[in-house]
N, C-alpha and C. Protein backbone atom coordinates (compact mmCIF):
# COMPACT_ATOMS: atom_id res chain seq x y z
N MET A 1 9.55 10.61 9.88
CA MET A 1 9.67 10.29 8.48
C MET A 1 9.41 11.56 7.69
N LEU A 2 10.22 11.79 6.69
CA LEU A 2 10.11 12.97 5.85
C LEU A 2 10.07 12.52 4.40
N ASN A 3 9.03 12.91 3.67
CA ASN A 3 8.91 12.59 2.25
C ASN A 3 9.03 13.87 1.45
N TYR A 4 9.70 13.79 0.32
CA TYR A 4 9.89 14.95 -0.55
C TYR A 4 9.71 14.49 -1.99
N ARG A 5 8.79 15.13 -2.71
CA ARG A 5 8.53 14.79 -4.10
C ARG A 5 8.42 16.08 -4.89
N PRO A 6 9.56 16.63 -5.36
CA PRO A 6 9.51 17.91 -6.08
C PRO A 6 8.82 17.81 -7.43
N THR A 7 8.94 16.67 -8.09
CA THR A 7 8.26 16.43 -9.36
C THR A 7 7.67 15.04 -9.33
N GLU A 8 6.88 14.74 -10.33
CA GLU A 8 6.28 13.41 -10.41
C GLU A 8 7.35 12.34 -10.65
N LYS A 9 8.47 12.72 -11.25
CA LYS A 9 9.49 11.75 -11.63
C LYS A 9 10.58 11.56 -10.58
N LEU A 10 10.51 12.26 -9.46
CA LEU A 10 11.55 12.17 -8.44
C LEU A 10 10.92 12.15 -7.05
N SER A 11 11.37 11.23 -6.22
CA SER A 11 10.89 11.21 -4.83
C SER A 11 12.03 10.80 -3.91
N ALA A 12 11.98 11.29 -2.70
CA ALA A 12 12.99 10.95 -1.69
C ALA A 12 12.30 10.90 -0.34
N ASN A 13 12.79 10.01 0.52
CA ASN A 13 12.29 10.01 1.88
C ASN A 13 13.39 9.64 2.85
N ILE A 14 13.25 10.16 4.05
CA ILE A 14 14.20 9.93 5.13
C ILE A 14 13.41 9.41 6.32
N PHE A 15 13.91 8.36 6.92
CA PHE A 15 13.28 7.80 8.11
C PHE A 15 14.31 7.78 9.23
N LEU A 16 13.99 8.43 10.33
CA LEU A 16 14.88 8.48 11.49
C LEU A 16 14.11 8.00 12.72
N ASN A 17 14.75 7.20 13.53
CA ASN A 17 14.17 6.89 14.83
C ASN A 17 15.31 6.65 15.81
N GLY A 18 15.02 6.83 17.05
CA GLY A 18 16.06 6.66 18.05
C GLY A 18 15.48 6.69 19.44
N GLY A 19 16.36 6.46 20.38
CA GLY A 19 15.93 6.47 21.76
C GLY A 19 17.10 6.28 22.70
N TYR A 20 16.81 6.43 23.95
CA TYR A 20 17.82 6.27 25.00
C TYR A 20 17.34 5.16 25.92
N LEU A 21 18.19 4.19 26.16
CA LEU A 21 17.82 3.05 26.99
C LEU A 21 18.74 3.02 28.21
N ALA A 22 18.18 2.81 29.37
CA ALA A 22 18.98 2.70 30.59
C ALA A 22 18.49 1.48 31.38
N PHE A 23 19.44 0.70 31.85
CA PHE A 23 19.14 -0.47 32.68
C PHE A 23 19.61 -0.18 34.10
N TYR A 24 18.73 -0.39 35.06
CA TYR A 24 19.06 -0.14 36.46
C TYR A 24 19.01 -1.45 37.24
N GLY A 25 19.87 -1.56 38.24
CA GLY A 25 19.92 -2.76 39.07
C GLY A 25 18.89 -2.72 40.18
N ASP A 26 18.97 -3.71 41.07
CA ASP A 26 18.02 -3.85 42.17
C ASP A 26 18.03 -2.65 43.11
N LYS A 27 19.19 -2.09 43.36
CA LYS A 27 19.31 -0.98 44.32
C LYS A 27 19.32 0.38 43.63
N GLY A 28 18.89 0.43 42.39
CA GLY A 28 18.80 1.70 41.67
C GLY A 28 20.09 2.15 41.00
N ALA A 29 21.12 1.32 41.03
CA ALA A 29 22.39 1.68 40.39
C ALA A 29 22.27 1.51 38.88
N LEU A 30 22.83 2.46 38.14
CA LEU A 30 22.82 2.38 36.68
C LEU A 30 23.78 1.29 36.22
N LEU A 31 23.27 0.31 35.50
CA LEU A 31 24.10 -0.79 35.03
C LEU A 31 24.60 -0.56 33.61
N GLN A 32 23.76 0.02 32.76
CA GLN A 32 24.12 0.19 31.36
C GLN A 32 23.23 1.28 30.77
N LYS A 33 23.81 2.10 29.88
CA LYS A 33 23.02 3.10 29.16
C LYS A 33 23.44 3.08 27.69
N ASP A 34 22.47 3.27 26.83
CA ASP A 34 22.72 3.20 25.39
C ASP A 34 21.87 4.21 24.65
N LEU A 35 22.47 4.84 23.66
CA LEU A 35 21.75 5.69 22.72
C LEU A 35 21.59 4.87 21.44
N VAL A 36 20.36 4.66 21.03
CA VAL A 36 20.08 3.82 19.86
C VAL A 36 19.43 4.68 18.80
N TYR A 37 19.92 4.62 17.55
CA TYR A 37 19.31 5.37 16.47
C TYR A 37 19.48 4.61 15.15
N ASN A 38 18.53 4.81 14.27
CA ASN A 38 18.51 4.17 12.95
C ASN A 38 18.17 5.23 11.91
N ILE A 39 18.81 5.13 10.75
CA ILE A 39 18.62 6.09 9.66
C ILE A 39 18.39 5.30 8.37
N SER A 40 17.41 5.72 7.59
CA SER A 40 17.18 5.11 6.29
C SER A 40 16.90 6.23 5.28
N LEU A 41 17.62 6.22 4.17
CA LEU A 41 17.47 7.20 3.10
C LEU A 41 17.08 6.46 1.82
N ASN A 42 16.05 6.94 1.13
CA ASN A 42 15.61 6.33 -0.12
C ASN A 42 15.43 7.42 -1.17
N ALA A 43 15.77 7.09 -2.40
CA ALA A 43 15.53 8.00 -3.52
C ALA A 43 15.08 7.18 -4.72
N ASP A 44 14.07 7.66 -5.42
CA ASP A 44 13.55 7.00 -6.61
C ASP A 44 13.42 8.02 -7.73
N ARG A 45 13.74 7.57 -8.94
CA ARG A 45 13.66 8.45 -10.11
C ARG A 45 12.98 7.67 -11.22
N ASN A 46 12.06 8.33 -11.92
CA ASN A 46 11.36 7.74 -13.06
C ASN A 46 11.66 8.58 -14.29
N PRO A 47 12.78 8.32 -14.98
CA PRO A 47 13.14 9.15 -16.12
C PRO A 47 12.17 9.01 -17.30
N ARG A 48 11.58 7.83 -17.44
CA ARG A 48 10.58 7.60 -18.50
C ARG A 48 9.40 6.87 -17.89
N LYS A 49 8.33 6.77 -18.66
CA LYS A 49 7.11 6.16 -18.16
C LYS A 49 7.32 4.70 -17.74
N ASN A 50 8.13 3.95 -18.47
CA ASN A 50 8.28 2.53 -18.20
C ASN A 50 9.61 2.16 -17.53
N VAL A 51 10.36 3.15 -17.05
CA VAL A 51 11.65 2.88 -16.40
C VAL A 51 11.68 3.60 -15.05
N SER A 52 12.13 2.89 -14.03
CA SER A 52 12.35 3.53 -12.73
C SER A 52 13.64 3.00 -12.14
N LEU A 53 14.32 3.87 -11.41
CA LEU A 53 15.56 3.48 -10.75
C LEU A 53 15.62 4.15 -9.40
N GLY A 54 16.39 3.54 -8.50
CA GLY A 54 16.44 4.11 -7.16
C GLY A 54 17.54 3.52 -6.33
N GLY A 55 17.67 4.05 -5.13
CA GLY A 55 18.69 3.59 -4.21
C GLY A 55 18.24 3.72 -2.78
N ASN A 56 18.93 3.01 -1.90
CA ASN A 56 18.61 3.00 -0.48
C ASN A 56 19.90 2.90 0.31
N TYR A 57 19.98 3.66 1.41
CA TYR A 57 21.10 3.57 2.34
C TYR A 57 20.50 3.44 3.74
N THR A 58 20.94 2.45 4.49
CA THR A 58 20.42 2.20 5.83
C THR A 58 21.56 2.06 6.82
N TYR A 59 21.45 2.77 7.93
CA TYR A 59 22.43 2.71 9.01
C TYR A 59 21.63 2.29 10.24
N THR A 60 21.85 1.08 10.71
CA THR A 60 20.95 0.52 11.71
C THR A 60 21.71 -0.16 12.85
N GLN A 61 21.03 -0.30 13.97
CA GLN A 61 21.59 -0.96 15.15
C GLN A 61 20.48 -1.71 15.86
N ALA A 62 20.80 -2.91 16.33
CA ALA A 62 19.82 -3.67 17.10
C ALA A 62 19.68 -3.05 18.48
N PRO A 63 18.50 -3.07 19.07
CA PRO A 63 18.35 -2.52 20.41
C PRO A 63 19.17 -3.33 21.42
N PRO A 64 19.80 -2.67 22.38
CA PRO A 64 20.64 -3.39 23.33
C PRO A 64 19.83 -4.20 24.33
N GLN A 65 20.48 -5.20 24.85
CA GLN A 65 19.93 -5.99 25.95
C GLN A 65 20.88 -5.80 27.12
N LEU A 66 20.46 -6.17 28.28
CA LEU A 66 21.31 -6.01 29.45
C LEU A 66 22.55 -6.90 29.30
N GLY A 67 23.71 -6.28 29.30
CA GLY A 67 24.96 -7.01 29.17
C GLY A 67 25.36 -7.30 27.74
N VAL A 68 24.63 -6.76 26.76
CA VAL A 68 24.93 -7.00 25.34
C VAL A 68 24.80 -5.69 24.59
N ARG A 69 25.76 -5.41 23.72
CA ARG A 69 25.69 -4.21 22.88
C ARG A 69 26.12 -4.61 21.46
N THR A 70 25.36 -4.15 20.48
CA THR A 70 25.66 -4.43 19.07
C THR A 70 26.01 -3.12 18.38
N LYS A 71 27.09 -3.15 17.58
CA LYS A 71 27.49 -1.93 16.87
C LYS A 71 26.61 -1.70 15.65
N HIS A 72 26.64 -0.47 15.15
CA HIS A 72 25.86 -0.12 13.96
C HIS A 72 26.37 -0.89 12.74
N ASN A 73 25.46 -1.09 11.82
CA ASN A 73 25.78 -1.74 10.56
C ASN A 73 25.13 -0.92 9.45
N TYR A 74 25.71 -0.92 8.27
CA TYR A 74 25.11 -0.16 7.18
C TYR A 74 24.98 -1.04 5.95
N SER A 75 24.05 -0.66 5.10
CA SER A 75 23.87 -1.36 3.82
C SER A 75 23.34 -0.36 2.80
N CYS A 76 23.60 -0.65 1.55
CA CYS A 76 23.05 0.17 0.47
C CYS A 76 22.63 -0.74 -0.67
N SER A 77 21.68 -0.28 -1.44
CA SER A 77 21.21 -1.07 -2.58
C SER A 77 20.72 -0.13 -3.67
N PHE A 78 20.75 -0.65 -4.89
CA PHE A 78 20.30 0.09 -6.06
C PHE A 78 19.44 -0.84 -6.91
N TYR A 79 18.48 -0.26 -7.62
CA TYR A 79 17.64 -1.07 -8.49
C TYR A 79 17.30 -0.31 -9.77
N VAL A 80 17.03 -1.07 -10.82
CA VAL A 80 16.53 -0.55 -12.09
C VAL A 80 15.38 -1.45 -12.51
N THR A 81 14.23 -0.86 -12.81
CA THR A 81 13.06 -1.62 -13.25
C THR A 81 12.59 -1.07 -14.59
N THR A 82 12.29 -1.98 -15.49
CA THR A 82 11.70 -1.59 -16.76
C THR A 82 10.46 -2.44 -17.02
N LYS A 83 9.48 -1.83 -17.66
CA LYS A 83 8.24 -2.53 -17.99
C LYS A 83 8.14 -2.63 -19.51
N LEU A 84 7.80 -3.81 -19.97
CA LEU A 84 7.73 -4.10 -21.40
C LEU A 84 6.38 -4.72 -21.74
N LEU A 85 6.11 -4.88 -23.01
CA LEU A 85 4.89 -5.54 -23.50
C LEU A 85 3.63 -4.93 -22.89
N LYS A 86 3.47 -3.63 -23.06
CA LYS A 86 2.30 -2.89 -22.55
C LYS A 86 2.16 -3.06 -21.04
N ASP A 87 3.26 -2.96 -20.34
CA ASP A 87 3.34 -3.05 -18.87
C ASP A 87 2.96 -4.41 -18.31
N LYS A 88 2.94 -5.45 -19.12
CA LYS A 88 2.63 -6.79 -18.63
C LYS A 88 3.88 -7.48 -18.09
N LEU A 89 5.04 -7.19 -18.67
CA LEU A 89 6.30 -7.80 -18.25
C LEU A 89 7.13 -6.76 -17.50
N SER A 90 7.55 -7.12 -16.30
CA SER A 90 8.36 -6.23 -15.47
C SER A 90 9.68 -6.93 -15.16
N VAL A 91 10.80 -6.26 -15.42
CA VAL A 91 12.13 -6.82 -15.16
C VAL A 91 12.86 -5.87 -14.22
N THR A 92 13.34 -6.40 -13.09
CA THR A 92 14.04 -5.59 -12.09
C THR A 92 15.42 -6.18 -11.82
N LEU A 93 16.43 -5.34 -11.89
CA LEU A 93 17.80 -5.71 -11.52
C LEU A 93 18.09 -5.03 -10.19
N ASP A 94 18.48 -5.80 -9.19
CA ASP A 94 18.70 -5.30 -7.84
C ASP A 94 20.12 -5.62 -7.42
N VAL A 95 20.89 -4.61 -7.02
CA VAL A 95 22.27 -4.78 -6.56
C VAL A 95 22.32 -4.35 -5.10
N ARG A 96 22.77 -5.25 -4.23
CA ARG A 96 22.86 -4.93 -2.81
C ARG A 96 24.32 -4.90 -2.37
N ASN A 97 24.68 -3.86 -1.65
CA ASN A 97 26.02 -3.67 -1.10
C ASN A 97 27.13 -3.88 -2.13
N PRO A 98 27.14 -3.12 -3.22
CA PRO A 98 28.17 -3.33 -4.24
C PRO A 98 29.56 -2.89 -3.79
N PHE A 99 29.66 -2.11 -2.72
CA PHE A 99 30.95 -1.55 -2.31
C PHE A 99 31.65 -2.34 -1.21
N LYS A 100 31.00 -3.35 -0.68
CA LYS A 100 31.67 -4.17 0.34
C LYS A 100 31.27 -5.63 0.17
N LYS A 101 32.27 -6.49 0.36
CA LYS A 101 32.04 -7.92 0.16
C LYS A 101 31.35 -8.55 1.37
N TYR A 102 31.74 -8.13 2.56
CA TYR A 102 31.18 -8.69 3.78
C TYR A 102 30.56 -7.60 4.65
N SER A 103 29.56 -7.97 5.38
CA SER A 103 28.95 -7.09 6.36
C SER A 103 29.33 -7.64 7.73
N ARG A 104 29.93 -6.80 8.57
CA ARG A 104 30.41 -7.26 9.87
C ARG A 104 29.41 -6.88 10.96
N LEU A 105 29.01 -7.86 11.71
CA LEU A 105 28.16 -7.66 12.87
C LEU A 105 29.03 -7.86 14.10
N GLN A 106 29.24 -6.79 14.86
CA GLN A 106 30.09 -6.85 16.04
C GLN A 106 29.24 -6.73 17.29
N THR A 107 29.39 -7.71 18.18
CA THR A 107 28.61 -7.76 19.41
C THR A 107 29.53 -7.89 20.60
N SER A 108 29.30 -7.07 21.62
CA SER A 108 30.04 -7.16 22.88
C SER A 108 29.09 -7.69 23.95
N GLU A 109 29.60 -8.62 24.75
CA GLU A 109 28.77 -9.23 25.78
C GLU A 109 29.59 -9.32 27.07
N TRP A 110 28.98 -8.99 28.20
CA TRP A 110 29.70 -9.04 29.47
C TRP A 110 28.77 -9.46 30.58
N GLY A 111 29.37 -9.90 31.65
CA GLY A 111 28.60 -10.33 32.82
C GLY A 111 29.52 -10.46 34.01
N ASP A 112 29.13 -11.27 34.98
CA ASP A 112 29.95 -11.47 36.18
C ASP A 112 31.20 -12.26 35.83
N GLY A 113 32.31 -11.59 35.75
CA GLY A 113 33.59 -12.25 35.55
C GLY A 113 33.93 -12.61 34.11
N PHE A 114 33.21 -12.09 33.11
CA PHE A 114 33.60 -12.39 31.72
C PHE A 114 33.29 -11.21 30.81
N TYR A 115 34.02 -11.17 29.72
CA TYR A 115 33.79 -10.20 28.64
C TYR A 115 34.07 -10.92 27.34
N GLN A 116 33.20 -10.75 26.36
CA GLN A 116 33.35 -11.46 25.09
C GLN A 116 32.97 -10.52 23.96
N GLU A 117 33.76 -10.56 22.88
CA GLU A 117 33.43 -9.80 21.68
C GLU A 117 33.33 -10.78 20.52
N ARG A 118 32.25 -10.65 19.75
CA ARG A 118 32.05 -11.53 18.59
C ARG A 118 32.03 -10.70 17.33
N PHE A 119 32.61 -11.25 16.27
CA PHE A 119 32.59 -10.63 14.95
C PHE A 119 32.03 -11.66 13.98
N ASN A 120 30.90 -11.35 13.39
CA ASN A 120 30.30 -12.23 12.38
C ASN A 120 30.37 -11.51 11.04
N ASP A 121 31.11 -12.10 10.10
CA ASP A 121 31.20 -11.55 8.75
C ASP A 121 30.22 -12.31 7.87
N ILE A 122 29.24 -11.59 7.35
CA ILE A 122 28.19 -12.18 6.52
C ILE A 122 28.36 -11.65 5.10
N THR A 123 28.20 -12.52 4.11
CA THR A 123 28.30 -12.07 2.72
C THR A 123 27.27 -10.99 2.48
N ALA A 124 27.74 -9.85 1.99
CA ALA A 124 26.86 -8.69 1.84
C ALA A 124 26.49 -8.43 0.39
N ARG A 125 27.42 -8.65 -0.51
CA ARG A 125 27.20 -8.29 -1.91
C ARG A 125 26.30 -9.31 -2.59
N SER A 126 25.30 -8.82 -3.29
CA SER A 126 24.42 -9.72 -4.03
C SER A 126 23.84 -9.02 -5.24
N LEU A 127 23.44 -9.81 -6.19
CA LEU A 127 22.85 -9.33 -7.43
C LEU A 127 21.58 -10.15 -7.66
N GLY A 128 20.48 -9.48 -7.90
CA GLY A 128 19.21 -10.18 -8.10
C GLY A 128 18.51 -9.74 -9.36
N LEU A 129 17.80 -10.65 -9.97
CA LEU A 129 17.01 -10.37 -11.16
C LEU A 129 15.60 -10.90 -10.91
N LYS A 130 14.62 -10.02 -11.04
CA LYS A 130 13.23 -10.40 -10.83
C LYS A 130 12.47 -10.17 -12.12
N VAL A 131 11.78 -11.20 -12.58
CA VAL A 131 10.97 -11.11 -13.79
C VAL A 131 9.54 -11.46 -13.41
N ALA A 132 8.61 -10.56 -13.72
CA ALA A 132 7.20 -10.77 -13.38
C ALA A 132 6.35 -10.51 -14.61
N TYR A 133 5.36 -11.37 -14.84
CA TYR A 133 4.45 -11.21 -15.96
C TYR A 133 3.02 -11.20 -15.43
N SER A 134 2.22 -10.25 -15.87
CA SER A 134 0.82 -10.14 -15.45
C SER A 134 -0.07 -10.65 -16.57
N PHE A 135 -0.90 -11.62 -16.25
CA PHE A 135 -1.85 -12.16 -17.22
C PHE A 135 -3.14 -11.37 -17.16
N GLY A 136 -3.88 -11.34 -18.24
CA GLY A 136 -5.16 -10.63 -18.28
C GLY A 136 -4.97 -9.17 -18.60
N SER A 137 -6.09 -8.46 -18.60
CA SER A 137 -6.06 -7.05 -18.99
C SER A 137 -5.67 -6.14 -17.84
N GLY A 138 -5.84 -6.61 -16.62
CA GLY A 138 -5.54 -5.78 -15.47
C GLY A 138 -6.67 -4.83 -15.11
N LYS A 139 -7.77 -4.89 -15.86
CA LYS A 139 -8.91 -4.02 -15.58
C LYS A 139 -9.78 -4.67 -14.51
N LYS A 140 -10.38 -3.85 -13.68
CA LYS A 140 -11.27 -4.35 -12.64
C LYS A 140 -12.57 -4.83 -13.26
N SER A 141 -13.12 -5.89 -12.70
CA SER A 141 -14.41 -6.38 -13.17
C SER A 141 -15.35 -6.50 -11.98
N THR A 142 -16.62 -6.39 -12.26
CA THR A 142 -17.63 -6.48 -11.21
C THR A 142 -18.30 -7.85 -11.30
N VAL A 143 -18.36 -8.53 -10.18
CA VAL A 143 -18.99 -9.84 -10.14
C VAL A 143 -20.40 -9.66 -9.62
N GLN A 144 -21.38 -10.18 -10.38
CA GLN A 144 -22.78 -10.09 -9.97
C GLN A 144 -23.24 -11.49 -9.59
N ARG A 145 -23.90 -11.57 -8.47
CA ARG A 145 -24.36 -12.84 -7.97
C ARG A 145 -25.68 -13.22 -8.64
N ASN A 146 -25.80 -14.47 -9.03
CA ASN A 146 -27.04 -14.99 -9.61
C ASN A 146 -27.96 -15.39 -8.46
N LYS A 147 -29.06 -14.69 -8.32
CA LYS A 147 -29.98 -14.95 -7.22
C LYS A 147 -31.23 -15.69 -7.69
N SER A 148 -31.14 -16.39 -8.81
CA SER A 148 -32.32 -17.06 -9.33
C SER A 148 -32.69 -18.29 -8.50
N LEU A 149 -31.73 -18.93 -7.86
CA LEU A 149 -32.05 -20.07 -7.00
C LEU A 149 -32.40 -19.54 -5.62
N GLU A 150 -33.57 -19.88 -5.14
CA GLU A 150 -34.00 -19.42 -3.83
C GLU A 150 -33.38 -20.31 -2.77
N SER A 151 -32.37 -19.82 -2.13
CA SER A 151 -31.68 -20.58 -1.09
C SER A 151 -31.18 -19.58 -0.06
N THR A 152 -31.07 -20.07 1.16
CA THR A 152 -30.53 -19.20 2.20
C THR A 152 -29.70 -20.05 3.16
N ASP A 153 -28.73 -19.45 3.74
CA ASP A 153 -27.89 -20.17 4.69
C ASP A 153 -28.64 -20.46 5.98
N LEU A 154 -29.73 -19.72 6.21
CA LEU A 154 -30.50 -19.91 7.43
C LEU A 154 -31.52 -21.03 7.30
N ASP A 155 -31.68 -21.61 6.11
CA ASP A 155 -32.64 -22.69 5.89
C ASP A 155 -32.08 -23.96 6.52
N ARG A 156 -32.70 -24.45 7.59
CA ARG A 156 -32.16 -25.60 8.32
C ARG A 156 -32.96 -26.87 8.05
N SER A 157 -33.94 -26.81 7.21
CA SER A 157 -34.74 -28.02 6.97
C SER A 157 -33.94 -28.98 6.10
N THR A 158 -34.10 -30.26 6.36
CA THR A 158 -33.36 -31.28 5.63
C THR A 158 -34.16 -31.85 4.48
N GLY A 159 -35.44 -31.59 4.46
CA GLY A 159 -36.27 -32.16 3.42
C GLY A 159 -36.80 -33.53 3.79
N VAL A 160 -36.33 -34.11 4.88
CA VAL A 160 -36.80 -35.42 5.34
C VAL A 160 -37.94 -35.21 6.32
N LYS A 161 -39.10 -35.93 6.09
CA LYS A 161 -40.26 -35.80 6.98
C LYS A 161 -40.59 -37.10 7.59
């Protein structure tokens, strides 16, 4: 993971992970090998004190199983958040996958005497609106316990004699 924040108003991070997977049979023969990697890029910008905007791009793949392989899939999203009423009201507009209508998940599966390919098209494009309101001042308060009543959790007497 790599984070970069050149100024207070701009931040970016990159997350990369990957690996190599190999499946071997009973007699040590290589049955399947896969290179798996995932990439996530995020950028956030705060042009003003009460406004923030950002974006995300993700290129991901499910880890393979023996006899199953899933192709990479990508998604992107953008958001704009504004805070109003002395930061008590927060409104966020979130747009996911604005450039493609469907997200295709392609899976290949094979075994003894069969091969199958599946294509699942899932609705990808969405628009969301989140409205949040915070009640109270938002300041921390200290709670002090009233110890005027002499009681203890270790007192096991019932008062009955």
